[in-house]
Each structure stands twice: as structure tokens, then as C-alpha cells.
Protein backbone atom coordinates (compact mmCIF):
# COMPACT_ATOMS: atom_id res chain seq x y z
CA MET A 1 0.00 0.00 0.00
CA SER A 2 1.13 3.52 -0.65
CA LEU A 3 -0.19 6.94 0.03
CA ILE A 4 -1.45 9.14 -2.71
CA LYS A 5 -2.24 12.81 -2.57
CA CYS A 6 -5.82 13.83 -3.34
CA PRO A 7 -5.80 16.16 -6.33
CA GLU A 8 -8.94 17.85 -5.00
CA CYS A 9 -8.14 18.73 -1.39
CA GLY A 10 -4.45 17.87 -1.18
CA LYS A 11 -4.83 15.39 1.66
CA GLU A 12 -3.02 12.05 1.52
CA PHE A 13 -4.85 8.75 1.62
CA SER A 14 -4.33 5.07 0.80
CA ASN A 15 -4.26 4.14 -2.81
CA ARG A 16 -6.54 1.23 -1.93
CA ALA A 17 -9.30 3.50 -0.64
CA VAL A 18 -12.38 3.95 -2.82
CA SER A 19 -12.32 7.67 -2.30
CA CYS A 20 -10.61 10.45 -0.41
CA PRO A 21 -11.83 10.23 3.20
CA ASN A 22 -11.53 14.01 3.52
CA CYS A 23 -13.43 15.30 0.47
CA GLY A 24 -14.82 12.18 -1.14
CA PHE A 25 -12.87 12.50 -4.38
CA PRO A 26 -13.17 9.03 -6.05
CA THR A 27 -9.93 7.10 -6.51
CA SER A 28 -11.16 5.86 -9.89
CA GLU A 29 -10.93 9.42 -11.19
CA LEU A 30 -7.17 9.34 -10.67
CA LYS A 31 -6.94 7.10 -13.74
CA ASN A 32 -8.81 9.57 -15.93
CA ASP A 33 -6.77 11.12 -18.74
CA ILE A 34 -7.39 14.62 -17.52
CA TYR A 35 -4.53 14.12 -15.06
CA ASP A 36 -0.82 13.98 -15.74
CA ILE A 37 1.65 11.64 -14.03
CA THR A 38 4.85 13.22 -12.78
CA GLU A 39 8.09 11.75 -11.40
CA ALA A 40 8.04 10.00 -8.00
CA ASN A 41 7.93 12.01 -4.81
CA TYR A 42 8.34 11.07 -1.19
CA VAL A 43 5.51 11.53 1.23
CA GLU A 44 5.34 11.15 4.96
CA TYR A 45 3.36 8.10 6.04
CA ASP A 46 2.16 7.50 9.57
CA GLY A 47 -0.21 4.62 9.62
CA ASP A 48 -0.90 1.30 11.14
CA ASP A 49 1.12 -0.56 8.55
CA THR A 50 4.48 -2.09 9.44
CA CYS A 51 6.18 0.49 7.34
CA SER A 52 6.80 3.93 8.76
CA GLY A 53 8.77 6.96 7.94
CA ARG A 54 9.29 8.26 4.45
CA ILE A 55 7.77 5.82 2.01
CA PRO A 56 8.62 6.30 -1.65
CA TYR A 57 5.98 5.68 -4.26
CA ASP A 58 6.64 5.49 -7.95
CA ARG A 59 4.27 8.11 -9.20
CA GLU A 60 2.21 10.98 -7.94
CA ILE A 61 -0.99 11.72 -9.77
CA VAL A 62 -1.69 15.43 -10.05
CA PRO A 63 -4.26 17.40 -12.08
CA ARG A 64 -3.17 18.46 -15.52
CA LYS A 65 -2.57 22.16 -15.75
CA LYS A 66 -4.80 24.02 -18.21
CA PRO A 67 -2.86 25.93 -20.86
CA LYS A 68 -2.62 29.61 -20.13
CA MET A 69 -3.72 32.11 -22.78
CA ASN A 70 -1.11 34.53 -24.04
CA THR A 71 -2.44 37.80 -22.63
CA GLY A 72 -0.52 39.95 -25.13
CA VAL A 73 -1.91 38.14 -28.16
CA PHE A 74 -5.42 38.34 -26.72
CA ILE A 75 -5.15 42.09 -26.27
CA VAL A 76 -3.82 42.60 -29.80
CA VAL A 77 -6.54 40.44 -31.36
CA SER A 78 -9.20 42.22 -29.31
CA LEU A 79 -7.94 45.64 -30.37
CA VAL A 80 -7.88 44.59 -34.03
CA MET A 81 -11.46 43.29 -33.80
CA VAL A 82 -12.64 46.47 -32.10
CA GLY A 83 -10.88 48.54 -34.76
CA ILE A 84 -12.56 46.59 -37.54
CA ILE A 85 -16.00 46.98 -35.94
CA VAL A 86 -15.49 50.71 -35.36
CA GLY A 87 -14.26 51.09 -38.95
CA ILE A 88 -17.33 49.32 -40.32
CA VAL A 89 -19.63 51.50 -38.22
CA ILE A 90 -17.88 54.72 -39.30
CA PHE A 91 -17.92 53.60 -42.95
CA ASN A 92 -21.64 52.83 -42.80
CA ILE A 93 -22.40 56.19 -41.19
CA SER A 94 -20.24 57.99 -43.76
CA ASP A 95 -21.80 56.05 -46.63
CA THR A 96 -25.31 56.85 -45.35
CA LYS A 97 -24.49 60.56 -45.20
CA LYS A 98 -23.06 60.46 -48.72
CA GLN A 99 -26.17 58.70 -49.97
CA GLU A 100 -28.36 61.37 -48.38
CA LYS A 101 -26.31 64.14 -50.02
CA TYR A 102 -26.42 62.30 -53.34
CA GLU A 103 -30.21 62.08 -53.19
CA THR A 104 -30.41 65.78 -52.28
CA ALA A 105 -28.32 66.62 -55.35
CA ILE A 106 -30.54 64.44 -57.55
CA ARG A 107 -33.63 66.31 -56.33
CA ALA A 108 -31.94 69.64 -57.06
CA MET A 109 -31.00 68.34 -60.50
CA ASN A 110 -34.58 67.24 -61.22
CA ARG A 111 -35.91 70.71 -60.43
CA GLU A 112 -33.16 72.13 -62.67
CA ASP A 113 -31.28 73.80 -59.83
CA TYR A 114 -27.99 72.86 -61.45
CA GLU A 115 -25.82 75.16 -59.34
CA GLU A 116 -26.85 73.52 -56.05
CA ALA A 117 -26.62 70.05 -57.60
CA ALA A 118 -23.15 70.72 -59.04
CA ASP A 119 -21.82 71.93 -55.66
CA ILE A 120 -23.02 68.79 -53.88
CA PHE A 121 -21.78 66.43 -56.60
CA ARG A 122 -18.34 68.08 -56.51
CA GLU A 123 -18.23 67.57 -52.74
CA LEU A 124 -19.07 63.87 -53.20
CA LYS A 125 -16.26 63.51 -55.75
CA HIS A 126 -16.03 59.85 -56.77
CA TYR A 127 -19.14 58.62 -54.98
CA GLU A 128 -21.32 56.72 -57.47
CA ASP A 129 -21.39 58.85 -60.67
CA ALA A 130 -21.13 62.19 -58.82
CA ASN A 131 -18.10 63.28 -60.86
CA GLU A 132 -19.93 62.84 -64.18
CA LYS A 133 -23.08 64.46 -62.84
CA SER A 134 -21.15 67.50 -61.60
CA LYS A 135 -19.70 68.02 -65.09
CA TYR A 136 -23.11 67.59 -66.67
CA CYS A 137 -24.60 70.18 -64.27
CA ASP A 138 -21.76 72.58 -65.07
CA ALA A 139 -22.49 72.09 -68.78
CA GLN A 140 -26.14 72.99 -68.13
CA ILE A 141 -25.02 76.13 -66.28
CA TYR A 142 -22.80 77.12 -69.22
CA CYS A 143 -25.71 76.66 -71.63
CA ALA A 144 -28.00 78.75 -69.43
CA ASN A 145 -25.48 81.59 -69.72
CA GLY A 146 -25.14 81.20 -73.48
CA ASP A 147 -21.66 79.68 -73.26
CA TYR A 148 -22.29 76.65 -75.47
CA GLU A 149 -18.62 76.22 -76.35
CA ASN A 150 -17.51 75.47 -72.79
CA ALA A 151 -20.59 73.29 -72.31
CA TYR A 152 -19.57 71.27 -75.36
CA GLU A 153 -16.01 70.85 -74.08
CA LEU A 154 -17.30 69.50 -70.76
CA LEU A 155 -19.69 67.09 -72.43
CA LYS A 156 -16.87 65.66 -74.53
CA SER A 157 -15.23 64.50 -71.30
CA ILE A 158 -18.29 62.46 -70.28
CA PRO A 159 -19.40 60.82 -73.57
CA ASP A 160 -20.91 57.77 -71.83
CA TYR A 161 -23.05 59.71 -69.35
CA SER A 162 -26.73 58.98 -69.94
CA ASP A 163 -27.90 62.59 -70.62
CA THR A 164 -24.86 63.78 -72.58
CA SER A 165 -26.32 62.92 -76.00
CA LYS A 166 -29.54 64.82 -75.25
CA LEU A 167 -27.72 68.02 -74.27
CA LEU A 168 -25.39 67.73 -77.27
CA LYS A 169 -28.45 67.53 -79.50
CA GLN A 170 -29.91 70.65 -77.89
CA ILE A 171 -26.63 72.53 -78.36
CA TYR A 172 -26.66 71.54 -82.04
CA TYR A 173 -30.17 72.87 -82.66
CA GLU A 174 -30.23 75.83 -80.30
CA THR A 175 -27.05 77.42 -81.66
CA ARG A 176 -28.54 77.26 -85.17
CA LEU A 177 -31.80 78.72 -83.94
CA PHE A 178 -29.97 81.69 -82.42
CA GLU A 179 -28.30 82.35 -85.78
CA GLY A 180 -31.76 82.84 -87.27
CA ILE A 181 -33.06 84.95 -84.39
CA SER A 182 -30.00 87.21 -84.61
CA ASP A 183 -30.74 87.60 -88.32
CA ILE A 184 -34.35 88.78 -87.80
CA ARG A 185 -33.50 90.94 -84.80
CA THR A 186 -32.73 94.02 -86.87
CA SER A 187 -36.11 93.87 -88.64
CA TYR A 188 -37.88 94.85 -85.43
CA PHE A 189 -38.51 98.50 -84.61
CA ASN A 190 -36.94 97.93 -81.19
CA PRO A 191 -34.53 94.96 -81.43
CA ASP A 192 -34.10 94.83 -77.66
CA SER A 193 -37.83 94.21 -77.28
CA LEU A 194 -37.58 90.90 -79.10
CA GLY A 195 -39.15 88.00 -77.21
CA LEU A 196 -39.64 84.30 -77.82
CA SER A 197 -42.76 82.40 -76.71
CA GLU A 198 -42.28 78.97 -78.29
CA VAL A 199 -40.16 77.21 -80.88
CA LYS A 200 -40.26 73.81 -82.55
CA ALA A 201 -37.64 72.06 -84.64
CA TYR A 202 -38.41 69.94 -87.72
CA TYR A 203 -36.40 67.59 -89.85
CA PRO A 204 -37.22 66.15 -93.32
CA LYS A 205 -38.90 62.75 -93.30
CA ASN A 206 -36.96 61.62 -96.35
CA ASP A 207 -34.67 62.80 -99.13
CA SER A 208 -37.62 63.99 -101.25
CA ALA A 209 -38.81 66.47 -98.62
CA GLU A 210 -38.84 70.18 -99.46
CA ILE A 211 -36.41 71.06 -96.67
CA GLU A 212 -32.92 69.57 -96.58
CA HIS A 213 -31.84 70.78 -93.15
CA PRO A 214 -33.50 71.30 -89.79
CA ALA A 215 -36.10 74.07 -89.80
CA PHE A 216 -37.56 76.07 -86.93
CA ILE A 217 -41.01 77.54 -86.46
CA ALA A 218 -41.04 80.11 -83.66
CA THR A 219 -43.67 82.30 -82.06
CA MET A 220 -42.09 85.66 -81.34
CA THR A 221 -43.06 89.08 -80.04
CA GLY A 222 -41.59 92.53 -80.55
CA GLN A 223 -42.35 96.20 -80.30
CA ASN A 224 -43.85 97.80 -83.41
CA LYS A 225 -43.64 101.37 -84.66
CA MET A 226 -46.76 102.31 -82.74
CA GLY A 227 -45.10 101.36 -79.44
CA GLY A 228 -47.22 98.28 -78.94
CA TYR A 229 -46.22 94.63 -79.11
CA ALA A 230 -47.13 92.29 -81.93
CA SER A 231 -46.88 88.52 -82.14
CA SER A 232 -45.71 86.70 -85.24
CA TYR A 233 -44.87 83.22 -86.53
CA VAL A 234 -41.33 83.00 -87.92
CA TYR A 235 -39.89 80.34 -90.18
CA PHE A 236 -36.11 79.86 -89.85
CA GLY A 237 -34.14 77.78 -92.35
CA GLU A 238 -30.57 77.27 -93.50
CA ASN A 239 -29.42 79.50 -96.35
CA SER A 240 -28.08 77.25 -99.10
CA GLU A 241 -25.46 79.83 -100.14
CA THR A 242 -24.04 80.94 -96.80
CA GLY A 243 -24.84 77.84 -94.78
CA SER A 244 -26.12 80.01 -91.93
CA TYR A 245 -29.65 80.19 -90.59
CA LYS A 246 -31.90 83.03 -91.72
CA ALA A 247 -35.49 84.08 -91.23
CA VAL A 248 -37.32 82.79 -94.32
CA GLY A 249 -40.41 84.83 -93.45
CA SER A 250 -42.80 85.84 -90.69
CA VAL A 251 -46.59 86.29 -90.51
CA HIS A 252 -49.01 87.47 -87.88
CA SER A 253 -51.51 84.65 -88.47
CA LEU A 254 -51.58 81.10 -89.84
CA ASP A 255 -55.21 81.42 -90.94
CA GLU A 256 -55.27 81.82 -94.72
CA ASP A 257 -58.65 83.60 -94.55
CA ASP A 258 -56.93 86.53 -92.83
CA TYR A 259 -55.18 87.45 -96.10
CA LYS A 260 -56.53 89.15 -99.22
CA LEU A 261 -55.52 87.75 -102.57
CA ASN A 262 -55.73 91.19 -104.18
CA ARG A 263 -53.10 92.68 -101.91
CA GLU A 264 -49.46 92.12 -102.80
CA ASP A 265 -48.23 92.11 -99.20
CA ASP A 266 -50.88 89.59 -98.25
CA LEU A 267 -49.89 87.37 -101.16
CA MET A 268 -46.31 87.28 -99.88
CA ASP A 269 -47.52 86.52 -96.39
CA LEU A 270 -49.77 83.78 -97.73
CA VAL A 271 -46.75 82.10 -99.30
CA VAL A 272 -45.02 82.11 -95.90
CA VAL A 273 -48.15 80.67 -94.28
CA LYS A 274 -48.16 77.79 -96.75
CA LEU A 275 -44.44 77.19 -96.17
CA ILE A 276 -44.92 77.06 -92.41
CA LYS A 277 -47.85 74.65 -92.75
CA SER A 278 -45.84 72.51 -95.14
CA VAL A 279 -42.96 72.30 -92.67
CA LYS A 280 -45.33 71.33 -89.88
CA ASN A 281 -47.38 68.81 -91.87
CA ASP A 282 -44.79 67.20 -94.11
CA ASN A 283 -41.80 66.90 -91.81
CA ILE A 284 -40.90 65.38 -88.48
CA GLU A 285 -41.00 67.38 -85.28
CA ILE A 286 -37.83 66.66 -83.30
CA LYS A 287 -38.71 66.14 -79.68
CA ASP A 288 -36.33 67.49 -76.99
CA ALA A 289 -34.32 69.38 -79.62
CA ILE A 290 -34.89 72.64 -77.77
CA ASP A 291 -34.95 73.50 -74.09
CA GLN A 292 -37.84 75.97 -74.23
CA ASN A 293 -37.16 77.70 -70.91
CA ARG A 294 -33.49 78.15 -71.68
CA VAL A 295 -33.87 79.66 -75.16
CA ILE A 296 -36.71 81.92 -73.99
CA GLU A 297 -34.52 83.30 -71.17
CA LEU A 298 -31.50 83.73 -73.44
CA VAL A 299 -33.57 85.76 -75.91
CA LYS A 300 -35.07 87.79 -73.08
CA SER A 301 -31.62 88.61 -71.65
CA GLY A 302 -30.12 89.37 -75.06
CA LYS A 303 -27.28 86.88 -74.54
CA TYR A 304 -28.26 85.02 -77.71
CA THR A 305 -26.64 87.67 -79.89
CA THR A 306 -23.12 86.42 -79.10
CA ILE A 307 -23.87 82.70 -79.46
CA LYS A 308 -22.16 80.89 -82.32
CA ARG A 309 -22.75 77.38 -83.57
CA ILE A 310 -20.20 74.71 -82.68
CA SER A 311 -18.69 73.80 -86.04
CA GLU A 312 -17.14 70.65 -84.58
CA LEU A 313 -20.58 69.42 -83.51
CA THR A 314 -22.17 67.94 -86.63
CA TYR A 315 -25.45 66.18 -87.34
CA ASP A 316 -23.53 62.91 -87.78
CA GLU A 317 -22.46 63.15 -84.15
CA ILE A 318 -26.01 63.59 -82.83
CA GLY A 319 -27.91 61.93 -85.69
CA LYS A 320 -28.57 58.65 -83.95
CA GLU A 321 -30.03 60.31 -80.85
CA THR A 322 -32.06 62.69 -83.05
CA GLY A 323 -33.55 59.80 -84.98
CA GLU A 324 -34.62 58.13 -81.77
CA SER A 325 -36.34 61.32 -80.62
CA MET A 326 -38.29 62.13 -83.79
CA SER A 327 -42.06 62.13 -83.61
CA GLU A 328 -44.63 61.60 -86.38
CA ASP A 329 -46.96 63.95 -84.56
CA SER A 330 -46.72 67.14 -86.64
CA SER A 331 -50.15 68.68 -86.37
CA VAL A 332 -50.54 72.37 -87.18
């Protein structure tokens, strides 16, 4: 018989006992693999056996020590995890704020407040398509001020932006319209009184059509010699000799019954009436070719007089988009 030390309470008891008499720890558990066996120790034995004194026993069974966690590694890992979580939270908050600003800019853009929209898009920089949208808004601002050249240069840098082709088409037609309006300006008693109410652009349906280039029918007002204001319908077309747009003619009414066949002036006006009706009935109205509010304001401010067409911008460049926007609705 030998004494063994109880791994639970530390008291010594006989290895033949069923359990520790002090704490009841079962001897059978000493064989469980959760304990390690170390080298022999000597223990003091005072019992009833014939042996006394220091009795050696081969092995002492002691509980296996649980591995200790490296505190430094734990702290580092914890800090890294916290940093990642904080980073994700900050990113999500930042992204949410950017999305809110982006949506604010879109709303400003939809109500045509291009200056506010451009400022916000520039602040967002590379978020979504903010960079392209800021350039597009700046191009709209240039157009509103009659600076079509700078608008065109900006649009060339964003050829794949969804609305670029539409604005290019408007630049193409509006600059030609302003050539014609500048031409008729001097025919008014007070050129500065010239106003524009509405304008529509038309393009020939086919090669056999009477017109070969885009034509414009505009409703305009101006001060007459009596000091009052008169409204007229003006037909603008491209001059085959100079290549620039001129006023083909203007009339105060499109009702043929308002003209007398025995009056020479009325006969000339009647010819213009028939031309205007022919353009409207026999050709295709080009939808979205003109931004009505913009051209009306440019005529009102007088800025149209310095606008020149962009020679680099040809019909071939905007032809595809124009074709997609043509309408067969050409009622008088």
C-alpha cells in the first residue's frame, strides 16, 4: 500500500481506498486522462502498517494544468477586432451621409437647380457617378449663360453619361436657332424688345422632302412702330449659299382667310403661311431638340446675340439620338 495525494483537497490517503476520506474524491478518477503523471515524490506516512517513515511511491498523480492564454496576443486580437468593428460603423455612417447628399443633389437636378446640384456632386467627388453628374450640371449652367462652347467641351469629357447625347443635340439645334433669331433681330422696330414664346424644330422625313436641313417655327413678339407689341410666326431655315440660318419669313396669323388675294403684301404673307404649314405637316418634329425655358430666357436677356454654332458638332455626331427622338406627330 502507498499513500497518494488527493488532487482535490491535497490530503493524503491510501491508494486502496475507494475515495478520499476528507473530500470524497473518487480514486477511480485518478486514472482519468485529464490528469498527468509526474516523477516520484516522497511523502510522509504515519499509519498502522508495518512500514513507517518516508515511504517512496513510484508516481504521484496530479491534475493536468490548463494551458494559459497569451495575454498579449489576446489584447492585440481584441484591439484589431474592435478597430474593424469601429471602422465598419464609421464607414456605414459615412456612406449613409453620402447617400443622403447624393439624393439631395438628384432632387436639385430634377428641379433644374444645377448650381446647387453641381456643388453637392463636386463635394461627393467619386461617390457613385457624382463626378460625371457635376460636369453635366456645369455644362447645363454654361448653356443657361449662353456659353455653349464650354458646355460642349465639358460634355466631350463624359461621352458615356446617360444625358450627354440629349444636351449635345440641344446645343446643335439651339445654336442654329440663335443664328436665325439674330438675323431677324434688326427687322424689329426695337430689337431689344424681341421676345420668344415657343419654338419647334423639324427635320425632313426623307430625301424627297422640301427642306434639306433642320427648320424652326417660332412664335415671337416685338415692339412695333406704334409702341405696342405684336406677335408673329417666324420660319427659320438654312441658307443654301451661306450655310447660316436666316429668317425665311414671318406672318401674324396662320389662318389663310386673314389674307386678301388682291393685296401684294398679303400674297407674300400667304406664301409664308403655306411654307410654315408645309414644314409642320410634311416633316418630323424633333422632340427634346430645344430646351424651351433656356432659349426663352437667353432671348429675353439678349445673350443670344453672341452665341455661335459649334462647327465641330455635326449632325452625324447627334444623328442617332435625333432619330430616336423624332415624332410623327406634326399637327398644325
